[in-house]
Amino acid sequence: MIKNLFKINWRYRTYNLWVINTTSECLLYLWENWYTLLPHLNGLIELTNEEAFIRTFQGYKHENKWLGFGRMKWNKENNRKWTTKYRGIDSTQKELSFYYTEVWAPDWNQVCDTGIPPDVFVRLYNYPQVLDIREGLIIALPLWLYKKNKQVVDNLLSKIASQISESKIYETKRDWWGRTASRNNVEDINPQEIKKIVGCKEL
C-alpha cells in the first residue's frame, strides 16, 4: 500500500509557470531571432540531468499535414534545423505556417511512458492574429526545482525577456498530472488561458 501511494504521489507535480509575452511581431521562430535566446534557455535546461528534445509543429498552408524534422536532441545544430529547414529556395512557392515549438526534458515519450511530468518544459507560441498574445514563451519548472535555483532562474528569465522586444513576464502556478489523469496540464495551455495569465499582475 505504501509503495502504491508513493507512485501516485509521483504522477503529478506543481509547477512555477512563466509566460514571456510580447504584442510585437518578433518572428522568434526564425533562426536569426531564436539563436539569441539559446544561451539563456541552455541555462534552464542545464538545471536537470535529463536530456532535452525539441519538437516543432509547422506546415504549408492548404496542406493538411505536419512537416517532418525527425528526432531532435537539444543542441545548436537542431535548433538551427527547425528554424531553417523548410525556409530555403525550394519552399518559396509555398506559404510556411509556424504553430509552435516545444522543448521537453526528458522528452515527451518518456513522460508518456512513466506518467511523470518533465523537469523542464518550454513552448514557443505564435498567434499573429491575436494581438494581446502575438508571440512568446511558456516556461515551466517543477516548484522544487525553481526553489532550489530561484536566483539563477529569475536571472535567466530576465535575460530572455530582454532579448524579446516589448515583452513582459507573467508568473503563475499550475499542476501537471501524469497520463492516468484526465486534466488540463501545462502542455494543454491554449490562447484563452494565456490571455488570462497575462491579465495577471506582471513581475
N, C-alpha and C. Protein backbone atom coordinates (compact mmCIF):
# COMPACT_ATOMS: atom_id res chain seq x y z
N MET A 1 0.82 -1.19 0.00
CA MET A 1 0.00 0.00 0.00
C MET A 1 0.87 1.26 0.00
N ILE A 2 1.90 1.31 0.87
CA ILE A 2 2.78 2.47 0.92
C ILE A 2 3.48 2.68 -0.42
N LYS A 3 3.91 1.57 -1.03
CA LYS A 3 4.58 1.67 -2.32
C LYS A 3 3.66 2.26 -3.37
N ASN A 4 2.40 1.84 -3.41
CA ASN A 4 1.44 2.35 -4.38
C ASN A 4 1.18 3.84 -4.17
N LEU A 5 1.08 4.25 -2.89
CA LEU A 5 0.87 5.66 -2.60
C LEU A 5 2.05 6.49 -3.08
N PHE A 6 3.25 5.94 -2.93
CA PHE A 6 4.45 6.65 -3.39
C PHE A 6 4.38 6.89 -4.89
N LYS A 7 3.98 5.87 -5.63
CA LYS A 7 3.88 6.01 -7.08
C LYS A 7 2.84 7.05 -7.46
N ILE A 8 1.71 7.04 -6.77
CA ILE A 8 0.66 8.01 -7.07
C ILE A 8 1.17 9.42 -6.86
N ASN A 9 1.93 9.64 -5.78
CA ASN A 9 2.45 10.97 -5.49
C ASN A 9 3.36 11.48 -6.60
N TRP A 10 3.99 10.57 -7.32
CA TRP A 10 4.90 10.99 -8.38
C TRP A 10 4.21 11.15 -9.73
N ARG A 11 2.89 11.03 -9.76
CA ARG A 11 2.18 11.18 -11.02
C ARG A 11 1.64 12.60 -11.22
N TYR A 12 2.03 13.51 -10.37
CA TYR A 12 1.73 14.91 -10.62
C TYR A 12 2.80 15.77 -9.97
N ARG A 13 2.93 16.98 -10.47
CA ARG A 13 3.86 17.93 -9.90
C ARG A 13 3.23 19.32 -9.97
N THR A 14 3.60 20.14 -9.01
CA THR A 14 3.21 21.55 -9.07
C THR A 14 4.35 22.34 -9.71
N TYR A 15 4.00 23.19 -10.65
CA TYR A 15 4.98 23.92 -11.44
C TYR A 15 4.88 25.42 -11.21
N ASN A 16 6.04 26.07 -11.21
CA ASN A 16 6.08 27.50 -11.45
C ASN A 16 6.03 27.68 -12.96
N LEU A 17 5.16 28.53 -13.41
CA LEU A 17 4.98 28.72 -14.85
C LEU A 17 5.09 30.19 -15.17
N TRP A 18 5.86 30.49 -16.19
CA TRP A 18 6.03 31.86 -16.66
C TRP A 18 5.60 31.97 -18.11
N VAL A 19 4.98 33.07 -18.42
CA VAL A 19 4.70 33.44 -19.81
C VAL A 19 5.47 34.72 -20.09
N ILE A 20 6.37 34.64 -21.05
CA ILE A 20 7.08 35.83 -21.52
C ILE A 20 6.41 36.23 -22.82
N ASN A 21 5.59 37.25 -22.76
CA ASN A 21 4.68 37.58 -23.87
C ASN A 21 5.03 38.93 -24.48
N THR A 22 4.85 39.01 -25.80
CA THR A 22 5.01 40.28 -26.48
C THR A 22 3.85 40.51 -27.44
N THR A 23 3.47 41.75 -27.57
CA THR A 23 2.45 42.11 -28.55
C THR A 23 3.09 42.54 -29.87
N SER A 24 4.42 42.53 -29.92
CA SER A 24 5.13 42.86 -31.15
C SER A 24 5.28 41.63 -32.03
N GLU A 25 5.51 41.87 -33.30
CA GLU A 25 5.76 40.78 -34.23
C GLU A 25 7.27 40.56 -34.29
N CYS A 26 7.76 39.67 -33.43
CA CYS A 26 9.21 39.47 -33.30
C CYS A 26 9.74 38.34 -34.18
N LEU A 27 8.86 37.48 -34.68
CA LEU A 27 9.27 36.35 -35.52
C LEU A 27 10.35 35.52 -34.81
N LEU A 28 10.05 35.11 -33.62
CA LEU A 28 11.02 34.37 -32.81
C LEU A 28 11.36 33.01 -33.37
N TYR A 29 10.53 32.50 -34.28
CA TYR A 29 10.77 31.19 -34.87
C TYR A 29 11.79 31.22 -35.99
N LEU A 30 12.32 32.39 -36.31
CA LEU A 30 13.39 32.50 -37.29
C LEU A 30 14.75 32.39 -36.60
N TRP A 31 15.68 31.73 -37.24
CA TRP A 31 16.98 31.45 -36.62
C TRP A 31 17.67 32.71 -36.11
N GLU A 32 17.65 33.78 -36.91
CA GLU A 32 18.39 34.98 -36.51
C GLU A 32 17.83 35.62 -35.25
N ASN A 33 16.59 35.29 -34.89
CA ASN A 33 15.99 35.79 -33.65
C ASN A 33 16.06 34.74 -32.53
N TRP A 34 15.85 33.48 -32.90
CA TRP A 34 15.82 32.42 -31.91
C TRP A 34 17.18 32.18 -31.27
N TYR A 35 18.24 32.29 -32.06
CA TYR A 35 19.56 31.91 -31.54
C TYR A 35 20.00 32.82 -30.40
N THR A 36 19.47 34.04 -30.33
CA THR A 36 19.85 34.95 -29.24
C THR A 36 19.30 34.47 -27.90
N LEU A 37 18.28 33.61 -27.94
CA LEU A 37 17.70 33.09 -26.70
C LEU A 37 18.38 31.81 -26.22
N LEU A 38 19.13 31.16 -27.09
CA LEU A 38 19.68 29.84 -26.78
C LEU A 38 20.56 29.80 -25.53
N PRO A 39 21.48 30.75 -25.33
CA PRO A 39 22.32 30.64 -24.13
C PRO A 39 21.51 30.64 -22.84
N HIS A 40 20.44 31.41 -22.79
CA HIS A 40 19.63 31.52 -21.58
C HIS A 40 18.72 30.30 -21.42
N LEU A 41 18.20 29.80 -22.53
CA LEU A 41 17.41 28.56 -22.47
C LEU A 41 18.30 27.39 -22.08
N ASN A 42 19.54 27.39 -22.57
CA ASN A 42 20.51 26.36 -22.16
C ASN A 42 20.67 26.36 -20.64
N GLY A 43 20.74 27.55 -20.07
CA GLY A 43 20.89 27.66 -18.63
C GLY A 43 19.76 27.00 -17.87
N LEU A 44 18.53 27.13 -18.38
CA LEU A 44 17.38 26.49 -17.75
C LEU A 44 17.45 24.97 -17.90
N ILE A 45 17.79 24.51 -19.10
CA ILE A 45 17.85 23.08 -19.37
C ILE A 45 18.94 22.41 -18.55
N GLU A 46 20.02 23.12 -18.29
CA GLU A 46 21.13 22.55 -17.53
C GLU A 46 20.79 22.37 -16.04
N LEU A 47 19.64 22.82 -15.61
CA LEU A 47 19.22 22.61 -14.22
C LEU A 47 18.82 21.16 -13.96
N THR A 48 18.59 20.40 -15.02
CA THR A 48 18.23 18.99 -14.88
C THR A 48 19.29 18.10 -15.52
N ASN A 49 19.39 16.87 -15.06
CA ASN A 49 20.29 15.89 -15.68
C ASN A 49 19.61 15.16 -16.84
N GLU A 50 18.32 15.39 -17.02
CA GLU A 50 17.58 14.74 -18.10
C GLU A 50 17.94 15.36 -19.44
N GLU A 51 17.98 14.54 -20.48
CA GLU A 51 18.25 15.05 -21.83
C GLU A 51 17.01 15.76 -22.37
N ALA A 52 17.25 16.86 -23.05
CA ALA A 52 16.15 17.65 -23.63
C ALA A 52 16.03 17.37 -25.12
N PHE A 53 14.78 17.41 -25.59
CA PHE A 53 14.50 17.20 -27.01
C PHE A 53 13.51 18.24 -27.50
N ILE A 54 13.57 18.50 -28.80
CA ILE A 54 12.74 19.51 -29.44
C ILE A 54 11.70 18.84 -30.32
N ARG A 55 10.49 19.37 -30.31
CA ARG A 55 9.54 19.01 -31.35
C ARG A 55 8.84 20.28 -31.82
N THR A 56 8.65 20.38 -33.12
CA THR A 56 8.09 21.58 -33.70
C THR A 56 6.91 21.24 -34.60
N PHE A 57 5.95 22.13 -34.66
CA PHE A 57 4.74 21.91 -35.45
C PHE A 57 4.64 23.03 -36.48
N GLN A 58 4.94 22.64 -37.72
CA GLN A 58 4.93 23.58 -38.84
C GLN A 58 4.29 22.88 -40.04
N GLY A 59 3.75 23.65 -40.94
CA GLY A 59 3.13 23.06 -42.13
C GLY A 59 2.93 24.09 -43.21
N TYR A 60 2.76 23.61 -44.44
CA TYR A 60 2.44 24.51 -45.53
C TYR A 60 0.95 24.79 -45.54
N LYS A 61 0.63 26.02 -45.79
CA LYS A 61 -0.77 26.42 -45.86
C LYS A 61 -1.48 25.61 -46.94
N HIS A 62 -2.69 25.17 -46.62
CA HIS A 62 -3.54 24.37 -47.53
C HIS A 62 -3.07 22.92 -47.65
N GLU A 63 -2.08 22.51 -46.83
CA GLU A 63 -1.68 21.10 -46.80
C GLU A 63 -1.94 20.57 -45.40
N ASN A 64 -2.73 19.53 -45.31
CA ASN A 64 -3.20 19.02 -44.02
C ASN A 64 -2.23 17.99 -43.44
N LYS A 65 -1.00 18.43 -43.16
CA LYS A 65 -0.02 17.52 -42.55
C LYS A 65 1.10 18.35 -41.94
N TRP A 66 1.74 17.76 -40.91
CA TRP A 66 2.89 18.40 -40.31
C TRP A 66 4.14 18.10 -41.13
N LEU A 67 5.06 19.04 -41.15
CA LEU A 67 6.33 18.82 -41.82
C LEU A 67 7.25 17.98 -40.93
N GLY A 68 8.07 17.15 -41.54
CA GLY A 68 8.93 16.24 -40.80
C GLY A 68 10.28 16.86 -40.46
N PHE A 69 10.73 16.59 -39.24
CA PHE A 69 12.04 17.07 -38.79
C PHE A 69 12.88 15.96 -38.17
N GLY A 70 12.27 14.81 -37.90
CA GLY A 70 13.00 13.74 -37.24
C GLY A 70 13.18 14.02 -35.76
N ARG A 71 13.84 13.11 -35.08
CA ARG A 71 14.07 13.26 -33.65
C ARG A 71 15.19 14.29 -33.43
N MET A 72 14.92 15.29 -32.61
CA MET A 72 15.87 16.39 -32.45
C MET A 72 16.27 16.56 -30.98
N LYS A 73 17.47 16.14 -30.66
CA LYS A 73 18.04 16.41 -29.35
C LYS A 73 18.37 17.89 -29.26
N TRP A 74 18.27 18.43 -28.06
CA TRP A 74 18.55 19.84 -27.86
C TRP A 74 20.03 20.14 -28.08
N ASN A 75 20.33 20.86 -29.15
CA ASN A 75 21.67 21.37 -29.40
C ASN A 75 21.56 22.47 -30.45
N LYS A 76 22.65 23.15 -30.71
CA LYS A 76 22.63 24.28 -31.65
C LYS A 76 22.25 23.83 -33.05
N GLU A 77 22.80 22.71 -33.47
CA GLU A 77 22.52 22.21 -34.83
C GLU A 77 21.03 21.96 -35.04
N ASN A 78 20.38 21.31 -34.09
CA ASN A 78 18.96 21.01 -34.26
C ASN A 78 18.08 22.24 -34.09
N ASN A 79 18.54 23.20 -33.30
CA ASN A 79 17.79 24.46 -33.22
C ASN A 79 17.87 25.22 -34.54
N ARG A 80 19.02 25.16 -35.17
CA ARG A 80 19.12 25.75 -36.50
C ARG A 80 18.24 24.99 -37.50
N LYS A 81 18.17 23.68 -37.32
CA LYS A 81 17.40 22.84 -38.23
C LYS A 81 15.92 23.19 -38.23
N TRP A 82 15.32 23.28 -37.03
CA TRP A 82 13.87 23.51 -37.01
C TRP A 82 13.49 24.93 -37.42
N THR A 83 14.44 25.86 -37.29
CA THR A 83 14.14 27.24 -37.67
C THR A 83 14.43 27.54 -39.15
N THR A 84 15.11 26.62 -39.84
CA THR A 84 15.53 26.93 -41.22
C THR A 84 15.18 25.88 -42.26
N LYS A 85 14.90 24.64 -41.86
CA LYS A 85 14.85 23.52 -42.81
C LYS A 85 13.94 23.77 -44.00
N TYR A 86 12.76 24.31 -43.79
CA TYR A 86 11.81 24.48 -44.88
C TYR A 86 11.69 25.94 -45.33
N ARG A 87 12.70 26.73 -45.03
CA ARG A 87 12.66 28.14 -45.38
C ARG A 87 13.67 28.50 -46.47
N GLY A 88 14.10 27.50 -47.23
CA GLY A 88 15.06 27.73 -48.30
C GLY A 88 14.40 28.08 -49.61
N ILE A 89 15.20 28.04 -50.67
CA ILE A 89 14.73 28.42 -52.00
C ILE A 89 13.60 27.51 -52.48
N ASP A 90 13.65 26.22 -52.15
CA ASP A 90 12.66 25.28 -52.64
C ASP A 90 11.26 25.53 -52.09
N SER A 91 11.16 26.26 -50.99
CA SER A 91 9.85 26.46 -50.37
C SER A 91 9.26 27.84 -50.67
N THR A 92 9.88 28.60 -51.59
CA THR A 92 9.42 29.97 -51.82
C THR A 92 8.04 30.02 -52.46
N GLN A 93 7.61 28.96 -53.11
CA GLN A 93 6.30 28.95 -53.76
C GLN A 93 5.19 28.52 -52.81
N LYS A 94 5.55 28.15 -51.59
CA LYS A 94 4.55 27.71 -50.61
C LYS A 94 4.61 28.61 -49.38
N GLU A 95 3.46 28.78 -48.75
CA GLU A 95 3.40 29.61 -47.56
C GLU A 95 3.58 28.71 -46.33
N LEU A 96 4.69 28.91 -45.64
CA LEU A 96 5.00 28.08 -44.48
C LEU A 96 4.38 28.69 -43.23
N SER A 97 3.64 27.89 -42.50
CA SER A 97 3.00 28.34 -41.27
C SER A 97 3.69 27.72 -40.06
N PHE A 98 4.05 28.57 -39.10
CA PHE A 98 4.62 28.11 -37.84
C PHE A 98 3.52 28.13 -36.79
N TYR A 99 3.41 27.04 -36.03
CA TYR A 99 2.40 26.96 -34.98
C TYR A 99 3.06 27.03 -33.60
N TYR A 100 3.89 26.08 -33.27
CA TYR A 100 4.64 26.18 -32.02
C TYR A 100 5.77 25.18 -32.01
N THR A 101 6.73 25.45 -31.13
CA THR A 101 7.85 24.55 -30.90
C THR A 101 7.97 24.31 -29.40
N GLU A 102 8.25 23.07 -29.02
CA GLU A 102 8.36 22.71 -27.62
C GLU A 102 9.73 22.10 -27.32
N VAL A 103 10.18 22.28 -26.09
CA VAL A 103 11.37 21.63 -25.57
C VAL A 103 10.96 20.88 -24.32
N TRP A 104 11.26 19.59 -24.28
CA TRP A 104 10.93 18.74 -23.13
C TRP A 104 12.21 18.10 -22.58
N ALA A 105 12.35 18.10 -21.25
CA ALA A 105 13.45 17.37 -20.61
C ALA A 105 12.90 16.65 -19.38
N PRO A 106 12.77 15.31 -19.42
CA PRO A 106 13.06 14.43 -20.56
C PRO A 106 12.01 14.60 -21.66
N ASP A 107 12.15 13.82 -22.74
CA ASP A 107 11.26 14.00 -23.87
C ASP A 107 9.86 13.46 -23.58
N TRP A 108 8.93 13.84 -24.45
CA TRP A 108 7.50 13.53 -24.28
C TRP A 108 7.23 12.03 -24.26
N ASN A 109 8.05 11.24 -24.96
CA ASN A 109 7.85 9.78 -24.95
C ASN A 109 8.10 9.21 -23.56
N GLN A 110 9.15 9.66 -22.91
CA GLN A 110 9.44 9.19 -21.55
C GLN A 110 8.36 9.66 -20.58
N VAL A 111 7.89 10.88 -20.77
CA VAL A 111 6.81 11.40 -19.92
C VAL A 111 5.57 10.53 -20.08
N CYS A 112 5.23 10.19 -21.31
CA CYS A 112 4.05 9.34 -21.56
C CYS A 112 4.26 7.94 -20.99
N ASP A 113 5.47 7.40 -21.10
CA ASP A 113 5.73 6.04 -20.62
C ASP A 113 5.68 5.94 -19.10
N THR A 114 6.19 6.96 -18.43
CA THR A 114 6.29 6.91 -16.98
C THR A 114 5.11 7.56 -16.27
N GLY A 115 4.43 8.47 -16.96
CA GLY A 115 3.38 9.24 -16.30
C GLY A 115 3.93 10.33 -15.41
N ILE A 116 5.23 10.55 -15.45
CA ILE A 116 5.86 11.59 -14.62
C ILE A 116 6.15 12.81 -15.50
N PRO A 117 5.62 13.96 -15.18
CA PRO A 117 5.84 15.17 -15.99
C PRO A 117 7.31 15.57 -16.04
N PRO A 118 7.67 16.44 -16.98
CA PRO A 118 9.08 16.77 -17.22
C PRO A 118 9.68 17.70 -16.17
N ASP A 119 11.00 17.74 -16.16
CA ASP A 119 11.72 18.69 -15.31
C ASP A 119 11.73 20.09 -15.92
N VAL A 120 11.76 20.15 -17.24
CA VAL A 120 11.76 21.44 -17.94
C VAL A 120 10.81 21.34 -19.12
N PHE A 121 9.97 22.34 -19.27
CA PHE A 121 9.08 22.42 -20.42
C PHE A 121 9.10 23.85 -20.93
N VAL A 122 9.31 23.99 -22.25
CA VAL A 122 9.31 25.30 -22.89
C VAL A 122 8.46 25.22 -24.15
N ARG A 123 7.62 26.20 -24.36
CA ARG A 123 6.87 26.27 -25.62
C ARG A 123 6.99 27.67 -26.20
N LEU A 124 7.40 27.74 -27.46
CA LEU A 124 7.36 28.98 -28.22
C LEU A 124 6.04 29.01 -28.97
N TYR A 125 5.20 29.99 -28.68
CA TYR A 125 3.90 30.07 -29.34
C TYR A 125 3.85 31.28 -30.28
N ASN A 126 2.92 31.22 -31.21
CA ASN A 126 2.80 32.27 -32.22
C ASN A 126 1.34 32.38 -32.65
N TYR A 127 0.71 33.47 -32.24
CA TYR A 127 -0.69 33.73 -32.62
C TYR A 127 -0.76 35.11 -33.26
N PRO A 128 -0.34 35.22 -34.51
CA PRO A 128 -0.21 36.54 -35.14
C PRO A 128 -1.52 37.33 -35.24
N GLN A 129 -2.65 36.63 -35.19
CA GLN A 129 -3.93 37.32 -35.29
C GLN A 129 -4.49 37.73 -33.93
N VAL A 130 -3.84 37.29 -32.85
CA VAL A 130 -4.32 37.61 -31.50
C VAL A 130 -3.37 38.65 -30.92
N LEU A 131 -3.73 39.91 -31.02
CA LEU A 131 -2.79 40.99 -30.75
C LEU A 131 -2.27 41.01 -29.32
N ASP A 132 -3.07 40.57 -28.36
CA ASP A 132 -2.65 40.61 -26.96
C ASP A 132 -1.58 39.58 -26.64
N ILE A 133 -1.55 38.49 -27.39
CA ILE A 133 -0.58 37.41 -27.12
C ILE A 133 0.05 36.97 -28.44
N ARG A 134 0.56 37.90 -29.16
CA ARG A 134 1.04 37.61 -30.52
C ARG A 134 2.15 36.56 -30.54
N GLU A 135 3.13 36.71 -29.66
CA GLU A 135 4.23 35.75 -29.60
C GLU A 135 4.74 35.64 -28.17
N GLY A 136 5.40 34.53 -27.89
CA GLY A 136 6.01 34.42 -26.58
C GLY A 136 6.42 33.02 -26.22
N LEU A 137 6.84 32.88 -24.97
CA LEU A 137 7.31 31.62 -24.43
C LEU A 137 6.53 31.25 -23.19
N ILE A 138 6.17 29.98 -23.11
CA ILE A 138 5.70 29.39 -21.85
C ILE A 138 6.86 28.58 -21.31
N ILE A 139 7.24 28.84 -20.07
CA ILE A 139 8.34 28.12 -19.43
C ILE A 139 7.82 27.57 -18.11
N ALA A 140 8.00 26.27 -17.90
CA ALA A 140 7.50 25.63 -16.69
C ALA A 140 8.60 24.78 -16.05
N LEU A 141 8.78 24.97 -14.76
CA LEU A 141 9.72 24.18 -13.96
C LEU A 141 8.99 23.68 -12.72
N PRO A 142 9.26 22.44 -12.30
CA PRO A 142 8.66 21.97 -11.05
C PRO A 142 9.01 22.93 -9.92
N LEU A 143 8.07 23.10 -9.01
CA LEU A 143 8.25 24.06 -7.93
C LEU A 143 9.53 23.80 -7.14
N TRP A 144 9.82 22.51 -6.89
CA TRP A 144 11.02 22.19 -6.11
C TRP A 144 12.30 22.60 -6.84
N LEU A 145 12.28 22.46 -8.18
CA LEU A 145 13.47 22.82 -8.96
C LEU A 145 13.66 24.33 -8.98
N TYR A 146 12.56 25.06 -9.07
CA TYR A 146 12.64 26.51 -9.06
C TYR A 146 13.15 27.02 -7.72
N LYS A 147 12.60 26.49 -6.62
CA LYS A 147 13.01 26.94 -5.29
C LYS A 147 14.50 26.69 -5.06
N LYS A 148 14.99 25.60 -5.59
CA LYS A 148 16.39 25.23 -5.43
C LYS A 148 17.32 26.17 -6.21
N ASN A 149 16.79 26.76 -7.30
CA ASN A 149 17.63 27.57 -8.20
C ASN A 149 16.99 28.93 -8.49
N LYS A 150 16.31 29.47 -7.53
CA LYS A 150 15.49 30.67 -7.76
C LYS A 150 16.28 31.83 -8.35
N GLN A 151 17.40 32.17 -7.78
CA GLN A 151 18.17 33.32 -8.25
C GLN A 151 18.65 33.11 -9.69
N VAL A 152 19.12 31.91 -9.99
CA VAL A 152 19.59 31.60 -11.34
C VAL A 152 18.44 31.69 -12.34
N VAL A 153 17.30 31.09 -11.99
CA VAL A 153 16.16 31.07 -12.89
C VAL A 153 15.64 32.49 -13.14
N ASP A 154 15.48 33.26 -12.10
CA ASP A 154 14.99 34.63 -12.25
C ASP A 154 15.90 35.45 -13.15
N ASN A 155 17.20 35.25 -13.01
CA ASN A 155 18.16 35.96 -13.84
C ASN A 155 18.05 35.55 -15.30
N LEU A 156 17.90 34.24 -15.55
CA LEU A 156 17.79 33.75 -16.92
C LEU A 156 16.49 34.23 -17.58
N LEU A 157 15.41 34.22 -16.83
CA LEU A 157 14.14 34.71 -17.37
C LEU A 157 14.24 36.18 -17.75
N SER A 158 14.89 36.94 -16.91
CA SER A 158 15.08 38.36 -17.20
C SER A 158 15.89 38.57 -18.47
N LYS A 159 16.92 37.74 -18.67
CA LYS A 159 17.75 37.85 -19.87
C LYS A 159 16.97 37.45 -21.12
N ILE A 160 16.14 36.42 -21.00
CA ILE A 160 15.31 36.02 -22.14
C ILE A 160 14.38 37.15 -22.53
N ALA A 161 13.71 37.73 -21.54
CA ALA A 161 12.77 38.82 -21.81
C ALA A 161 13.48 40.01 -22.44
N SER A 162 14.73 40.25 -22.04
CA SER A 162 15.46 41.40 -22.58
C SER A 162 15.76 41.24 -24.06
N GLN A 163 15.74 40.00 -24.56
CA GLN A 163 16.00 39.73 -25.97
C GLN A 163 14.73 39.76 -26.83
N ILE A 164 13.57 39.87 -26.18
CA ILE A 164 12.29 39.86 -26.90
C ILE A 164 11.68 41.25 -26.80
N SER A 165 11.54 41.91 -27.92
CA SER A 165 11.09 43.30 -27.94
C SER A 165 9.72 43.47 -27.26
N GLU A 166 9.63 44.45 -26.38
CA GLU A 166 8.38 44.84 -25.72
C GLU A 166 7.74 43.69 -24.96
N SER A 167 8.54 42.78 -24.46
CA SER A 167 7.97 41.64 -23.74
C SER A 167 7.82 41.93 -22.26
N LYS A 168 6.92 41.19 -21.63
CA LYS A 168 6.70 41.25 -20.19
C LYS A 168 6.61 39.82 -19.66
N ILE A 169 6.99 39.67 -18.39
CA ILE A 169 6.98 38.34 -17.75
C ILE A 169 5.79 38.25 -16.81
N TYR A 170 5.08 37.14 -16.93
CA TYR A 170 3.95 36.87 -16.05
C TYR A 170 4.17 35.51 -15.39
N GLU A 171 3.78 35.40 -14.15
CA GLU A 171 4.05 34.18 -13.38
C GLU A 171 2.78 33.63 -12.76
N THR A 172 2.68 32.32 -12.74
CA THR A 172 1.57 31.64 -12.07
C THR A 172 2.06 30.26 -11.63
N LYS A 173 1.17 29.50 -11.06
CA LYS A 173 1.48 28.11 -10.68
C LYS A 173 0.44 27.21 -11.30
N ARG A 174 0.86 25.97 -11.57
CA ARG A 174 -0.06 25.04 -12.21
C ARG A 174 0.36 23.61 -11.91
N ASP A 175 -0.60 22.74 -11.69
CA ASP A 175 -0.31 21.31 -11.50
C ASP A 175 -0.22 20.62 -12.86
N TRP A 176 0.63 19.62 -12.91
CA TRP A 176 0.75 18.80 -14.13
C TRP A 176 0.62 17.34 -13.70
N TRP A 177 -0.40 16.71 -14.17
CA TRP A 177 -0.70 15.33 -13.80
C TRP A 177 -0.15 14.37 -14.85
N GLY A 178 0.03 13.13 -14.45
CA GLY A 178 0.51 12.10 -15.37
C GLY A 178 -0.58 11.63 -16.30
N ARG A 179 -0.24 10.67 -17.11
CA ARG A 179 -1.17 10.22 -18.15
C ARG A 179 -2.41 9.53 -17.59
N THR A 180 -2.38 9.13 -16.32
CA THR A 180 -3.52 8.41 -15.75
C THR A 180 -4.66 9.34 -15.39
N ALA A 181 -4.41 10.64 -15.43
CA ALA A 181 -5.46 11.60 -15.06
C ALA A 181 -5.91 12.39 -16.27
N SER A 182 -7.21 12.64 -16.33
CA SER A 182 -7.76 13.45 -17.42
C SER A 182 -7.89 14.88 -16.92
N ARG A 183 -6.82 15.66 -17.11
CA ARG A 183 -6.78 17.02 -16.61
C ARG A 183 -6.13 17.93 -17.64
N ASN A 184 -6.35 19.21 -17.46
CA ASN A 184 -5.76 20.20 -18.35
C ASN A 184 -4.37 20.54 -17.83
N ASN A 185 -3.35 19.98 -18.46
CA ASN A 185 -1.99 20.13 -17.98
C ASN A 185 -1.28 21.33 -18.60
N VAL A 186 -0.04 21.54 -18.20
CA VAL A 186 0.75 22.65 -18.73
C VAL A 186 0.83 22.58 -20.25
N GLU A 187 1.03 21.39 -20.79
CA GLU A 187 1.15 21.24 -22.24
C GLU A 187 -0.14 21.56 -22.98
N ASP A 188 -1.26 21.64 -22.24
CA ASP A 188 -2.56 21.88 -22.87
C ASP A 188 -2.97 23.35 -22.85
N ILE A 189 -2.13 24.22 -22.36
CA ILE A 189 -2.49 25.64 -22.26
C ILE A 189 -2.80 26.19 -23.65
N ASN A 190 -3.96 26.83 -23.78
CA ASN A 190 -4.42 27.37 -25.06
C ASN A 190 -4.40 28.90 -25.03
N PRO A 191 -4.69 29.55 -26.16
CA PRO A 191 -4.62 31.01 -26.20
C PRO A 191 -5.51 31.69 -25.17
N GLN A 192 -6.68 31.13 -24.91
CA GLN A 192 -7.57 31.74 -23.92
C GLN A 192 -6.94 31.74 -22.53
N GLU A 193 -6.25 30.64 -22.21
CA GLU A 193 -5.59 30.56 -20.91
C GLU A 193 -4.39 31.49 -20.83
N ILE A 194 -3.66 31.62 -21.93
CA ILE A 194 -2.54 32.57 -21.94
C ILE A 194 -3.05 33.98 -21.71
N LYS A 195 -4.16 34.33 -22.31
CA LYS A 195 -4.71 35.67 -22.14
C LYS A 195 -5.09 35.92 -20.68
N LYS A 196 -5.58 34.88 -20.01
CA LYS A 196 -5.90 35.03 -18.58
C LYS A 196 -4.63 35.26 -17.76
N ILE A 197 -3.58 34.52 -18.13
CA ILE A 197 -2.32 34.65 -17.38
C ILE A 197 -1.73 36.03 -17.56
N VAL A 198 -1.72 36.54 -18.77
CA VAL A 198 -1.11 37.86 -18.99
C VAL A 198 -2.00 38.98 -18.47
N GLY A 199 -3.20 38.64 -18.06
CA GLY A 199 -4.05 39.63 -17.42
C GLY A 199 -3.74 39.77 -15.95
N CYS A 200 -2.85 38.87 -15.43
CA CYS A 200 -2.47 38.93 -14.03
C CYS A 200 -1.39 40.00 -13.84
N LYS A 201 -1.08 40.24 -12.58
CA LYS A 201 -0.05 41.22 -12.25
C LYS A 201 1.30 40.72 -12.76
N GLU A 202 2.00 41.57 -13.49
CA GLU A 202 3.30 41.18 -14.02
C GLU A 202 4.38 41.28 -12.96
N LEU A 203 5.47 40.53 -13.17
CA LEU A 203 6.57 40.53 -12.21
C LEU A 203 7.24 41.91 -12.14
